[in-house]
N, C-alpha and C. Protein backbone atom coordinates (compact mmCIF):
# COMPACT_ATOMS: atom_id res chain seq x y z
N MET A 1 -17.42 67.53 -19.89
CA MET A 1 -17.69 66.17 -19.44
C MET A 1 -18.33 66.23 -18.06
N ASN A 2 -19.40 65.53 -17.88
CA ASN A 2 -20.12 65.43 -16.61
C ASN A 2 -19.26 64.67 -15.58
N PRO A 3 -19.11 65.17 -14.33
CA PRO A 3 -18.30 64.48 -13.33
C PRO A 3 -18.78 63.06 -13.03
N GLN A 4 -20.07 62.79 -13.21
CA GLN A 4 -20.60 61.45 -12.95
C GLN A 4 -20.43 60.51 -14.15
N GLU A 5 -20.06 61.07 -15.29
CA GLU A 5 -19.90 60.28 -16.50
C GLU A 5 -18.65 59.39 -16.39
N SER A 6 -18.77 58.15 -16.79
CA SER A 6 -17.65 57.21 -16.73
C SER A 6 -16.63 57.50 -17.82
N LEU A 7 -15.34 57.48 -17.44
CA LEU A 7 -14.28 57.58 -18.43
C LEU A 7 -14.06 56.22 -19.10
N LEU A 8 -14.25 55.16 -18.31
CA LEU A 8 -14.08 53.80 -18.80
C LEU A 8 -15.07 52.91 -18.08
N GLU A 9 -15.76 52.07 -18.82
CA GLU A 9 -16.72 51.14 -18.21
C GLU A 9 -16.57 49.79 -18.88
N LEU A 10 -16.35 48.76 -18.07
CA LEU A 10 -16.22 47.39 -18.57
C LEU A 10 -17.26 46.52 -17.88
N LYS A 11 -17.89 45.64 -18.65
CA LYS A 11 -18.92 44.76 -18.09
C LYS A 11 -18.64 43.32 -18.49
N ASP A 12 -18.75 42.43 -17.51
CA ASP A 12 -18.63 40.99 -17.70
C ASP A 12 -17.34 40.61 -18.43
N VAL A 13 -16.20 41.13 -17.97
CA VAL A 13 -14.90 40.87 -18.58
C VAL A 13 -14.43 39.47 -18.19
N LYS A 14 -13.93 38.74 -19.19
CA LYS A 14 -13.40 37.40 -18.96
C LYS A 14 -12.06 37.29 -19.67
N LYS A 15 -11.08 36.69 -18.99
CA LYS A 15 -9.77 36.44 -19.61
C LYS A 15 -9.29 35.08 -19.14
N TYR A 16 -9.12 34.18 -20.09
CA TYR A 16 -8.64 32.84 -19.80
C TYR A 16 -7.31 32.63 -20.52
N PHE A 17 -6.43 31.85 -19.90
CA PHE A 17 -5.17 31.48 -20.51
C PHE A 17 -5.17 29.97 -20.71
N PRO A 18 -4.76 29.50 -21.90
CA PRO A 18 -4.77 28.06 -22.16
C PRO A 18 -3.67 27.34 -21.40
N ILE A 19 -3.97 26.12 -20.97
CA ILE A 19 -2.97 25.22 -20.39
C ILE A 19 -2.62 24.23 -21.50
N ARG A 20 -1.35 24.15 -21.83
CA ARG A 20 -0.91 23.26 -22.91
C ARG A 20 0.07 22.24 -22.36
N SER A 21 0.06 21.05 -22.97
CA SER A 21 0.92 19.98 -22.49
C SER A 21 1.32 19.08 -23.65
N GLY A 22 2.43 18.41 -23.48
CA GLY A 22 2.88 17.42 -24.45
C GLY A 22 3.77 18.00 -25.54
N ILE A 23 4.23 17.12 -26.40
CA ILE A 23 5.14 17.49 -27.48
C ILE A 23 4.49 18.47 -28.45
N PHE A 24 3.21 18.25 -28.76
CA PHE A 24 2.51 19.09 -29.73
C PHE A 24 1.75 20.24 -29.09
N GLN A 25 1.97 20.45 -27.78
CA GLN A 25 1.36 21.55 -27.04
C GLN A 25 -0.16 21.58 -27.20
N LYS A 26 -0.77 20.42 -27.02
CA LYS A 26 -2.22 20.30 -27.09
C LYS A 26 -2.85 21.02 -25.90
N LYS A 27 -3.92 21.76 -26.16
CA LYS A 27 -4.64 22.47 -25.10
C LYS A 27 -5.39 21.45 -24.24
N ILE A 28 -5.14 21.48 -22.93
CA ILE A 28 -5.80 20.53 -22.03
C ILE A 28 -6.73 21.22 -21.03
N GLY A 29 -6.76 22.54 -21.04
CA GLY A 29 -7.64 23.26 -20.11
C GLY A 29 -7.37 24.75 -20.17
N ASP A 30 -7.99 25.46 -19.23
CA ASP A 30 -7.85 26.91 -19.14
C ASP A 30 -7.61 27.33 -17.69
N VAL A 31 -6.85 28.40 -17.52
CA VAL A 31 -6.72 29.08 -16.23
C VAL A 31 -7.55 30.35 -16.33
N LYS A 32 -8.48 30.53 -15.40
CA LYS A 32 -9.32 31.72 -15.41
C LYS A 32 -8.61 32.83 -14.63
N ALA A 33 -8.14 33.84 -15.35
CA ALA A 33 -7.49 34.98 -14.70
C ALA A 33 -8.55 35.93 -14.18
N VAL A 34 -9.56 36.19 -14.99
CA VAL A 34 -10.68 37.07 -14.64
C VAL A 34 -11.93 36.41 -15.23
N ASP A 35 -13.00 36.36 -14.44
CA ASP A 35 -14.22 35.71 -14.93
C ASP A 35 -15.45 36.48 -14.49
N GLY A 36 -15.96 37.32 -15.38
CA GLY A 36 -17.22 38.01 -15.13
C GLY A 36 -17.12 39.25 -14.25
N ILE A 37 -16.02 39.97 -14.32
CA ILE A 37 -15.85 41.17 -13.50
C ILE A 37 -16.34 42.40 -14.28
N SER A 38 -16.92 43.35 -13.56
CA SER A 38 -17.40 44.60 -14.16
C SER A 38 -16.94 45.77 -13.28
N PHE A 39 -16.60 46.89 -13.91
CA PHE A 39 -16.26 48.10 -13.15
C PHE A 39 -16.36 49.32 -14.04
N SER A 40 -16.40 50.47 -13.41
CA SER A 40 -16.38 51.73 -14.15
C SER A 40 -15.40 52.68 -13.48
N LEU A 41 -14.73 53.48 -14.28
CA LEU A 41 -13.75 54.44 -13.81
C LEU A 41 -14.32 55.83 -14.07
N LYS A 42 -14.48 56.58 -12.99
CA LYS A 42 -15.07 57.92 -13.10
C LYS A 42 -13.98 58.98 -12.95
N ARG A 43 -14.24 60.15 -13.47
CA ARG A 43 -13.31 61.27 -13.40
C ARG A 43 -13.11 61.70 -11.94
N GLY A 44 -11.86 62.05 -11.61
CA GLY A 44 -11.58 62.59 -10.29
C GLY A 44 -11.03 61.58 -9.40
């Protein structure tokens, strides 16, 4: 494996969690935990 080669690479990662309310737990919005993040993990 090349030392410059990425072990893990993620691009434009998004993770949202729904906000729910009421008796029937209707979705009323989202909480953005991560929005558009990118990174790479290299050896060493």
